[in-house]
Structure formats: structure tokens, C-alpha cells
Amino acid sequence: WRIQVSLSGVPRLALSAGGSDCLRAGDACSGDDSCSPRLRTLRQCVAGDGSVKLGPGARNQCENAMTALLSTPLRGCQCKRGMKREKNCLSIYWSLHQSVLFPYEAEERGSDYVRLASIASEVTAVNRCLDATKACNIDETCQKLRTEYVSACIQPSARSGPCNRPKCSKALRKFFDRVPPDYTHELLFCPCTDTACAERRRQTVVPACSYEDKDKPNCLAQLRVCKADYVCRSRWTQFQYDCQPGEPSAGGCQQENYGACLLAYTGLIGSTITPNYLDNSTLDVGPWCSCAASGNQREQCGDFLAFFHDNVCLSDARAPSGSWLSGKFCRSAETFLFCVVSAAQKLPSCRKLISVCADKRRGVKENRWETADLSGFVVETSHQT
């Protein structure tokens, strides 16, 4: 028996308004004579068969403990992605919130298109993925942690064979949690026009160790393993929230934050359901698993894969085109700057976007696809930023 409290209808900012760290809130509770026993009781309630130890009155004890703790600082506590003792923090969070989808504090760096643009403006070569690697090597933190995970992922293991996957996964998580998205997003989402570039992009996470295996396991089996781990469970729920597609008629992301979706995606790397590019000829991404042997849960398994394969929010977040042409993002100076830089590198999708957005800003309702006069438009845009 497991007690559940659903706050899924509460806005994310409302939950994080208190700014309480679950570790600190938990420590404060443990030092309080009235709070501490209630927290211990609740942990027994959610620990599988732990409630059996509470005896016949388990349900009432669990409900009373939950009600009491919801009036303490634990009520609105959250954790920071990549923080020290992250797993301990999340264990406190999930003990209290069994079905809330916001385990992590909102990232201040959710939208980083301006920084991506600044990196892009310094490159002239066709292979943007190679340029992204060069940019990473110039930054001390990026270069150090990238070297660490590559080394961990290619080093043979006496026990595991070609590589030590747990060690590789841990190093990957450290890289994507600690390196600014200016660099990680350029490495993972750099645009390519040929297979050599696309293969470099696919190899970013050293898939031979972190991603691929001899056989593809069942996706739902992998998801169950993920949900049994506090960190993986949290990364998955955050990904579901931040990359939730909008209404079919509107497209894009329900939360209208592409940067947050990209961060949530990278948060899955190094987990049981690590996603990656499926090949070097498409932009399709997904975990290394299949829906074979799903039995009567095949539809559920298909839905899981579709959240990667057919997710318009994730697709749009990874590319400077698509639903950006809806006009919703034409109001963003950040998007404009990113595309002005890209257009200077002769990327057709962004040249079209600038033309469309220029017309919308000048009051022209219909979408015109002619290429705009970029030289004059860049000046106009720079004044507005």
C-alpha cells in the first residue's frame, strides 16, 4: 500500500516559491522532536512493504504523518539537478510527493539561444559539430569533464568487458550537469548537412559504451528500472513536464520553454533510458530499447517511444525552424539573434524564419517565404535587442 498526494494541477512556480531545499528541510525536520518521527513513519509508508511494520493502523498513521508534514517546510521543497547528495535530496522529495512532476528547481539558464548564437558567430567552417568540440576544448571546465567522460567510456573493464558502463554513465551525468549548456547543447544539437558531421554528433555520448548493447531490452522494463532509482525517476518526470507537446493546433511546447526541454533531455543522458541519435542519416532520437515482448502493454510501450520519436516539442527545441514559423517565437529577440547568426552561415531554414518574422513585425499577416535583405535586417534586429 502506498499513499499518494497529487498536486499535478499546481503551477511549477507555485511549488518552488518557498525555495526550500529538501536536504535542509529534512535535516531541520530530523532535529525536531515532533517532525522527526513523522518523517520516519512516512518513509516506512512509501518503502514497499515498510508499512507492514506499522501494524493494522498503518493507513491512518501514514495519512496522519503526510498531513502533518505538509504543514512543514518539506511541503514545498525541491532539489537542484547535479547537487551534492542529489539522491538523498530526491529520496526526501519522493517520500512526500508521489505524483508531483517538479522534483527540481526551475533552472535560471532555461533559455540559452543568445549564448548559442555567440558561439555560432565565431565559427565559419561547415562542420558545426567540429567547431562545437573546439569551443569546448577552449573552456577549462568543458574540456576537463569531456576528457574525463571520454576516458571513462573507452577504458576496458576486467569485469564488464569493452567498457565500464556505470563509470561511463556517471561521468556523462557529471559533464551534462556541470558544464554550461552553451557548450553541451552545441555538442549535442549542432546542425549537420552531411553524414560525417552527423556521425560526430551521434558519437558525442560515446554510444558504444553508454548507449548500445548486444540486444535491445524491452522499453517498459528499462523504464521500471529507471523509476526505481530516485535520480532517474526525477529526470524522467522532469523531461515529461518540460518537453510536453502543446495542443495539436498550436504545436511547440506546452510550457513554451525550449531551453528547459533541452536541459531536461540532457538530464536523461547517463541514465537507464539514455537517449541518443538513432543513426547518422536522420534527426530521430530515443533510448536503446524496443517494444518486443511487451504483451498487452504494447500500446503503453509505443507511447513511451513516441515521446522521443514523435515529440514536436523536442523536435522544435532542437532545431531553429519548425513551429518557430508559427509567429509565436518571432517576438523573441533571442530567437532572432540566433537565427541572424545562423543565416549569416547560409542556413536556409533561418533565412526563411527571418523573412517570416520580419513580415510579422511590420504588420504583414501572411507568411512570405522570400529571403529578406539580411544586411539591413540585422541592423534592425540589433536595435531591438
Protein backbone atom coordinates (compact mmCIF):
# COMPACT_ATOMS: atom_id res chain seq x y z
CA TRP A 1 0.00 0.00 0.00
CA ARG A 2 1.36 3.42 -0.99
CA ILE A 3 -0.08 6.79 -0.13
CA GLN A 4 -0.29 9.33 -2.97
CA VAL A 5 -0.89 13.05 -2.94
CA SER A 6 -1.43 14.63 -6.35
CA LEU A 7 -0.51 18.26 -6.89
CA SER A 8 -0.23 17.97 -10.66
CA GLY A 9 -2.54 20.92 -11.19
CA VAL A 10 -0.38 23.29 -9.16
CA PRO A 11 1.83 25.60 -11.26
CA ARG A 12 5.51 24.76 -11.05
CA LEU A 13 6.49 28.22 -9.79
CA ALA A 14 3.93 27.95 -7.00
CA LEU A 15 5.63 24.83 -5.73
CA SER A 16 9.08 26.37 -5.85
CA ALA A 17 8.03 29.72 -4.40
CA GLY A 18 9.29 28.72 -0.96
CA GLY A 19 12.70 27.85 -2.36
CA SER A 20 13.19 25.17 0.29
CA ASP A 21 15.97 22.63 -0.24
CA CYS A 22 14.72 19.12 0.66
CA LEU A 23 18.05 18.23 2.30
CA ARG A 24 17.96 21.27 4.57
CA ALA A 25 14.26 20.83 5.24
CA GLY A 26 14.88 17.15 6.02
CA ASP A 27 17.76 17.97 8.37
CA ALA A 28 15.61 20.55 10.15
CA CYS A 29 12.80 18.02 10.46
CA SER A 30 15.15 15.34 11.81
CA GLY A 31 16.25 17.72 14.54
CA ASP A 32 12.68 18.47 15.61
CA ASP A 33 11.09 16.16 18.20
CA SER A 34 7.62 16.30 16.63
CA CYS A 35 8.63 16.29 12.95
CA SER A 36 11.30 13.57 13.05
CA PRO A 37 9.05 10.60 13.99
CA ARG A 38 6.51 11.61 11.35
CA LEU A 39 9.17 11.67 8.65
CA ARG A 40 10.37 8.21 9.73
CA THR A 41 6.78 6.94 9.60
CA LEU A 42 6.25 8.36 6.12
CA ARG A 43 9.43 6.76 4.82
CA GLN A 44 8.18 3.40 6.06
CA CYS A 45 4.86 4.04 4.32
CA VAL A 46 6.46 4.50 0.90
CA ALA A 47 9.18 1.84 1.24
CA GLY A 48 7.39 -1.04 -0.44
CA ASP A 49 6.24 -3.35 2.35
CA GLY A 50 7.53 -0.99 5.03
CA SER A 51 4.02 -0.09 6.13
CA VAL A 52 3.55 -3.69 7.31
CA LYS A 53 5.87 -2.87 10.21
CA LEU A 54 3.42 -0.20 11.33
CA GLY A 55 0.75 -2.77 12.10
CA PRO A 56 -3.02 -2.75 11.49
CA GLY A 57 -3.34 1.03 11.81
CA ALA A 58 -0.85 1.67 9.01
CA ARG A 59 -3.21 3.60 6.74
CA ASN A 60 -4.20 6.08 9.46
CA GLN A 61 -0.61 6.50 10.62
CA CYS A 62 0.55 7.18 7.08
CA GLU A 63 -2.22 9.67 6.37
CA ASN A 64 -1.62 11.48 9.66
CA ALA A 65 2.13 11.68 9.01
CA MET A 66 1.53 13.01 5.50
CA THR A 67 -0.94 15.65 6.68
CA ALA A 68 1.40 16.83 9.43
CA LEU A 69 4.45 17.04 7.16
CA LEU A 70 2.56 19.04 4.53
CA SER A 71 2.43 21.91 7.02
CA THR A 72 6.23 21.97 7.42
CA PRO A 73 8.95 23.38 5.09
CA LEU A 74 9.05 19.91 3.49
CA ARG A 75 5.77 20.78 1.75
CA GLY A 76 7.33 22.88 -1.00
CA CYS A 77 10.89 21.56 -1.01
CA GLN A 78 12.76 20.70 -4.19
CA CYS A 79 16.26 19.68 -5.28
CA LYS A 80 18.89 21.02 -7.66
CA ARG A 81 19.99 18.91 -10.58
CA GLY A 82 23.57 17.72 -10.10
CA MET A 83 23.75 18.91 -6.48
CA LYS A 84 25.81 17.09 -3.87
CA ARG A 85 23.79 14.29 -2.25
CA GLU A 86 21.23 14.66 -5.02
CA LYS A 87 19.94 11.14 -4.46
CA ASN A 88 19.40 11.79 -0.73
CA CYS A 89 17.57 15.01 -1.52
CA LEU A 90 15.32 13.27 -4.03
CA SER A 91 14.58 10.42 -1.62
CA ILE A 92 13.07 13.00 0.74
CA TYR A 93 11.17 14.64 -2.10
CA TRP A 94 9.61 11.39 -3.37
CA SER A 95 8.74 10.25 0.15
CA LEU A 96 6.43 13.25 0.38
CA HIS A 97 5.33 13.73 -3.23
CA GLN A 98 4.41 10.52 -5.01
CA SER A 99 2.90 12.08 -8.12
CA VAL A 100 4.18 15.65 -8.44
CA LEU A 101 6.17 16.29 -11.59
CA PHE A 102 8.51 19.02 -10.37
CA PRO A 103 11.34 17.45 -8.33
CA TYR A 104 13.89 20.03 -9.48
CA GLU A 105 14.03 23.77 -9.01
CA ALA A 106 13.45 25.74 -12.20
CA GLU A 107 16.74 26.42 -13.97
CA GLU A 108 17.66 30.06 -14.48
CA ARG A 109 19.55 29.04 -17.60
CA GLY A 110 16.47 27.60 -19.30
CA SER A 111 16.82 29.66 -22.48
CA ASP A 112 20.31 29.91 -23.87
CA TYR A 113 19.84 30.75 -27.52
CA VAL A 114 21.74 34.02 -27.16
CA ARG A 115 24.78 32.19 -25.81
CA LEU A 116 24.48 29.56 -28.52
CA ALA A 117 24.44 32.37 -31.04
CA SER A 118 27.61 33.89 -29.62
CA ILE A 119 29.38 30.58 -30.11
CA ALA A 120 27.97 30.15 -33.60
CA SER A 121 29.08 33.65 -34.59
CA GLU A 122 32.71 32.69 -34.11
CA VAL A 123 32.69 29.71 -36.46
CA THR A 124 32.92 29.69 -40.21
CA ALA A 125 33.56 26.04 -41.07
CA VAL A 126 30.80 23.85 -42.46
CA ASN A 127 31.12 21.23 -39.70
CA ARG A 128 29.44 22.94 -36.74
CA CYS A 129 29.90 19.83 -34.59
CA LEU A 130 33.65 20.03 -35.03
CA ASP A 131 33.50 23.71 -34.13
CA ALA A 132 31.49 22.83 -31.01
CA THR A 133 34.26 20.45 -29.94
CA LYS A 134 36.86 23.17 -30.48
CA ALA A 135 34.80 25.60 -28.42
CA CYS A 136 34.57 23.03 -25.59
CA ASN A 137 38.32 22.49 -25.64
CA ILE A 138 38.90 26.21 -25.09
CA ASP A 139 36.78 26.21 -21.92
CA GLU A 140 38.62 24.69 -18.94
CA THR A 141 35.60 23.04 -17.29
CA CYS A 142 34.15 21.70 -20.52
CA GLN A 143 37.49 20.33 -21.72
CA LYS A 144 38.30 18.71 -18.36
CA LEU A 145 34.94 16.98 -17.86
CA ARG A 146 34.67 15.95 -21.50
CA THR A 147 38.11 14.33 -21.30
CA GLU A 148 37.02 12.57 -18.10
CA TYR A 149 33.89 11.02 -19.58
CA VAL A 150 35.53 10.02 -22.86
CA SER A 151 38.32 8.33 -20.91
CA ALA A 152 35.81 6.58 -18.63
CA CYS A 153 33.74 5.41 -21.59
CA ILE A 154 36.57 3.95 -23.69
CA GLN A 155 38.58 2.32 -20.91
CA PRO A 156 38.24 -1.50 -20.93
CA SER A 157 36.94 -3.16 -17.78
CA ALA A 158 38.08 -6.53 -16.46
CA ARG A 159 34.55 -7.26 -15.23
CA SER A 160 32.40 -5.54 -17.84
CA GLY A 161 34.47 -6.18 -20.97
CA PRO A 162 34.94 -3.39 -23.54
CA CYS A 163 33.99 -0.67 -21.05
CA ASN A 164 32.65 0.07 -17.59
CA ARG A 165 29.14 1.37 -18.30
CA PRO A 166 28.30 2.52 -14.74
CA LYS A 167 31.52 4.54 -14.59
CA CYS A 168 30.89 5.92 -18.07
CA SER A 169 27.30 6.89 -17.21
CA LYS A 170 28.37 8.63 -14.01
CA ALA A 171 30.99 10.66 -15.88
CA LEU A 172 28.44 11.62 -18.54
CA ARG A 173 25.96 12.82 -15.91
CA LYS A 174 28.70 14.90 -14.30
CA PHE A 175 29.53 16.50 -17.66
CA PHE A 176 25.96 17.42 -18.58
CA ASP A 177 25.11 18.58 -15.06
CA ARG A 178 28.14 20.82 -14.54
CA VAL A 179 29.08 22.18 -17.97
CA PRO A 180 27.04 25.19 -19.15
CA PRO A 181 24.51 24.41 -21.89
CA ASP A 182 26.34 26.89 -24.14
CA TYR A 183 28.74 24.03 -24.79
CA THR A 184 26.73 20.86 -24.14
CA HIS A 185 23.86 21.93 -26.41
CA GLU A 186 26.20 22.87 -29.23
CA LEU A 187 27.86 19.44 -28.98
CA LEU A 188 24.56 17.56 -28.95
CA PHE A 189 22.35 19.65 -31.22
CA CYS A 190 24.77 21.14 -33.75
CA PRO A 191 23.19 21.28 -37.23
CA CYS A 192 24.68 18.98 -39.87
CA THR A 193 24.48 18.82 -43.64
CA ASP A 194 26.48 15.61 -44.19
CA THR A 195 26.86 12.18 -42.58
CA ALA A 196 30.39 12.84 -41.30
CA CYS A 197 29.13 15.73 -39.19
CA ALA A 198 26.06 13.75 -38.10
CA GLU A 199 28.20 10.81 -37.05
CA ARG A 200 30.42 13.08 -34.95
CA ARG A 201 27.27 14.39 -33.28
CA ARG A 202 25.98 10.85 -32.67
CA GLN A 203 29.30 9.85 -31.13
CA THR A 204 29.17 12.69 -28.57
CA VAL A 205 27.98 10.40 -25.76
CA VAL A 206 30.32 7.52 -26.77
CA PRO A 207 27.31 5.31 -27.61
CA ALA A 208 29.33 2.09 -27.85
CA CYS A 209 29.58 2.19 -24.05
CA SER A 210 26.82 4.46 -22.76
CA TYR A 211 24.02 3.59 -25.16
CA GLU A 212 24.27 0.49 -27.33
CA ASP A 213 24.24 -3.16 -26.28
CA LYS A 214 24.18 -6.56 -27.97
CA ASP A 215 20.39 -6.75 -27.72
CA LYS A 216 17.69 -4.16 -27.25
CA PRO A 217 15.87 -4.64 -23.92
CA ASN A 218 12.16 -4.01 -23.54
CA CYS A 219 11.47 -0.29 -23.08
CA LEU A 220 8.98 -0.74 -20.25
CA ALA A 221 11.43 -2.97 -18.38
CA GLN A 222 14.04 -0.22 -18.69
CA LEU A 223 11.53 2.37 -17.56
CA ARG A 224 10.68 0.30 -14.46
CA VAL A 225 14.38 0.16 -13.56
CA CYS A 226 14.56 3.92 -14.08
CA LYS A 227 11.58 4.64 -11.84
CA ALA A 228 13.11 2.53 -9.06
CA ASP A 229 16.06 4.96 -8.94
CA TYR A 230 15.36 8.37 -7.40
CA VAL A 231 17.61 10.29 -9.79
CA CYS A 232 16.47 8.57 -12.98
CA ARG A 233 12.84 8.82 -11.93
CA SER A 234 13.26 12.55 -11.34
CA ARG A 235 14.99 13.14 -14.66
CA TRP A 236 12.25 11.25 -16.50
CA THR A 237 9.40 13.15 -14.84
CA GLN A 238 11.16 16.46 -15.49
CA PHE A 239 11.57 15.50 -19.17
CA GLN A 240 7.88 14.65 -19.42
CA TYR A 241 6.93 18.03 -17.99
CA ASP A 242 9.37 20.31 -19.81
CA CYS A 243 9.06 18.55 -23.18
CA GLN A 244 5.28 18.07 -23.12
CA PRO A 245 3.99 18.97 -26.61
CA GLY A 246 1.46 21.75 -26.95
CA GLU A 247 -2.03 21.37 -28.36
CA PRO A 248 -2.04 19.81 -31.85
CA SER A 249 -3.30 23.04 -33.38
CA ALA A 250 -0.63 25.15 -31.68
CA GLY A 251 2.39 22.84 -31.82
CA GLY A 252 5.60 23.54 -29.96
CA CYS A 253 5.94 23.01 -26.22
CA GLN A 254 3.14 23.29 -23.70
CA GLN A 255 5.44 25.17 -21.31
CA GLU A 256 6.75 27.38 -24.14
CA ASN A 257 10.33 26.96 -22.93
CA TYR A 258 12.56 25.22 -25.45
CA GLY A 259 15.67 25.75 -23.33
CA ALA A 260 14.09 23.87 -20.40
CA CYS A 261 13.19 21.00 -22.71
CA LEU A 262 16.78 20.71 -23.95
CA LEU A 263 18.06 20.72 -20.36
CA ALA A 264 15.56 18.02 -19.41
CA TYR A 265 16.66 15.93 -22.39
CA THR A 266 20.34 16.15 -21.46
CA GLY A 267 19.36 15.22 -17.90
CA LEU A 268 18.45 11.75 -19.14
CA ILE A 269 21.92 11.07 -20.53
CA GLY A 270 23.78 8.64 -18.31
CA SER A 271 20.57 7.05 -17.03
CA THR A 272 18.91 3.70 -17.73
CA ILE A 273 16.92 5.35 -20.52
CA THR A 274 19.76 7.37 -22.07
CA PRO A 275 18.59 8.85 -25.39
CA ASN A 276 20.77 9.36 -28.46
CA TYR A 277 20.53 9.76 -32.23
CA LEU A 278 19.28 6.52 -33.74
CA ASP A 279 21.54 6.88 -36.79
CA ASN A 280 23.56 9.44 -38.73
CA SER A 281 21.03 9.97 -41.51
CA THR A 282 18.09 11.41 -39.54
CA LEU A 283 17.41 13.62 -36.52
CA ASP A 284 15.47 10.83 -34.76
CA VAL A 285 16.42 10.27 -31.12
CA GLY A 286 15.39 7.74 -28.50
CA PRO A 287 16.62 5.25 -25.90
CA TRP A 288 18.20 1.91 -26.84
CA CYS A 289 15.18 -0.35 -26.40
CA SER A 290 12.27 -1.90 -28.28
CA CYS A 291 8.65 -2.84 -27.69
CA ALA A 292 9.21 -6.52 -28.43
CA ALA A 293 7.79 -8.82 -25.74
CA SER A 294 5.53 -6.06 -24.41
CA GLY A 295 2.46 -8.31 -24.39
CA ASN A 296 -0.74 -6.42 -23.63
CA GLN A 297 1.32 -3.32 -22.75
CA ARG A 298 2.48 -2.75 -26.31
CA GLU A 299 0.45 0.45 -26.66
CA GLN A 300 1.94 1.83 -23.44
CA CYS A 301 5.41 0.94 -24.71
CA GLY A 302 4.69 2.65 -28.02
CA ASP A 303 3.63 5.80 -26.19
CA PHE A 304 6.93 5.81 -24.31
CA LEU A 305 8.95 5.62 -27.52
CA ALA A 306 6.71 8.16 -29.25
CA PHE A 307 7.59 10.71 -26.58
CA PHE A 308 11.06 10.67 -28.14
CA HIS A 309 10.42 9.75 -31.78
CA ASP A 310 7.31 11.86 -32.47
CA ASN A 311 7.61 14.68 -29.95
CA VAL A 312 7.08 18.01 -31.74
CA CYS A 313 8.23 19.94 -28.66
CA LEU A 314 11.56 18.12 -28.53
CA SER A 315 11.99 18.35 -32.30
CA ASP A 316 11.33 22.08 -32.35
CA ALA A 317 13.61 22.66 -29.37
CA ARG A 318 16.47 21.01 -31.23
CA ALA A 319 16.12 22.95 -34.47
CA PRO A 320 15.81 26.66 -35.38
CA SER A 321 12.83 26.04 -37.63
CA GLY A 322 9.59 24.05 -37.46
CA SER A 323 6.91 25.66 -35.30
CA TRP A 324 9.02 28.76 -34.76
CA LEU A 325 7.42 29.78 -38.06
CA SER A 326 4.08 29.95 -36.25
CA GLY A 327 4.99 33.50 -35.26
CA LYS A 328 4.87 32.81 -31.50
CA PHE A 329 8.66 32.98 -31.30
CA CYS A 330 9.03 35.90 -33.70
CA ARG A 331 8.62 38.14 -30.66
CA SER A 332 11.77 36.71 -29.08
CA ALA A 333 14.91 38.79 -29.57
CA GLU A 334 16.93 35.73 -28.53
CA THR A 335 15.47 33.64 -31.34
CA PHE A 336 16.10 36.47 -33.78
CA LEU A 337 19.74 36.77 -32.77
CA PHE A 338 20.30 33.03 -33.02
CA CYS A 339 18.81 32.93 -36.49
CA VAL A 340 20.55 36.07 -37.71
CA VAL A 341 23.86 34.39 -36.90
CA SER A 342 22.75 31.13 -38.49
CA ALA A 343 21.52 32.94 -41.59
CA ALA A 344 24.92 34.53 -41.95
CA GLN A 345 26.20 30.97 -42.30
CA LYS A 346 23.69 30.40 -45.08
CA LEU A 347 21.30 28.08 -43.23
CA PRO A 348 18.12 28.16 -45.38
CA SER A 349 15.68 27.46 -42.54
CA CYS A 350 16.79 30.54 -40.63
CA ARG A 351 16.82 32.78 -43.69
CA LYS A 352 13.17 31.84 -44.17
CA LEU A 353 12.43 32.41 -40.49
CA ILE A 354 13.89 35.89 -40.56
CA SER A 355 11.82 36.74 -43.62
CA VAL A 356 8.62 35.49 -41.99
CA CYS A 357 9.30 37.23 -38.69
CA ALA A 358 10.26 40.45 -40.45
CA ASP A 359 6.90 40.49 -42.22
CA LYS A 360 5.06 39.80 -38.97
CA ARG A 361 6.84 42.64 -37.18
CA ARG A 362 5.92 45.00 -39.99
CA GLY A 363 2.27 44.03 -39.73
CA VAL A 364 2.07 41.67 -42.70
CA LYS A 365 -0.25 38.83 -41.68
CA GLU A 366 0.52 36.28 -44.39
CA ASN A 367 3.74 34.26 -44.26
CA ARG A 368 6.02 35.25 -47.14
CA TRP A 369 8.91 32.90 -47.87
CA GLU A 370 11.16 35.18 -49.91
CA THR A 371 14.62 35.74 -48.49
CA ALA A 372 14.86 39.06 -46.68
CA ASP A 373 17.58 41.67 -47.11
CA LEU A 374 19.68 40.31 -44.25
CA SER A 375 22.20 43.14 -44.18
CA GLY A 376 19.56 45.72 -43.31
CA PHE A 377 17.56 43.35 -41.12
CA VAL A 378 20.48 42.54 -38.85
CA VAL A 379 20.80 46.22 -38.03
CA GLU A 380 17.09 46.47 -37.32
CA THR A 381 17.21 43.43 -35.04
CA SER A 382 20.29 44.59 -33.15
CA HIS A 383 18.49 47.80 -32.14
CA GLN A 384 15.58 45.76 -30.74
CA THR A 385 17.80 43.50 -28.64
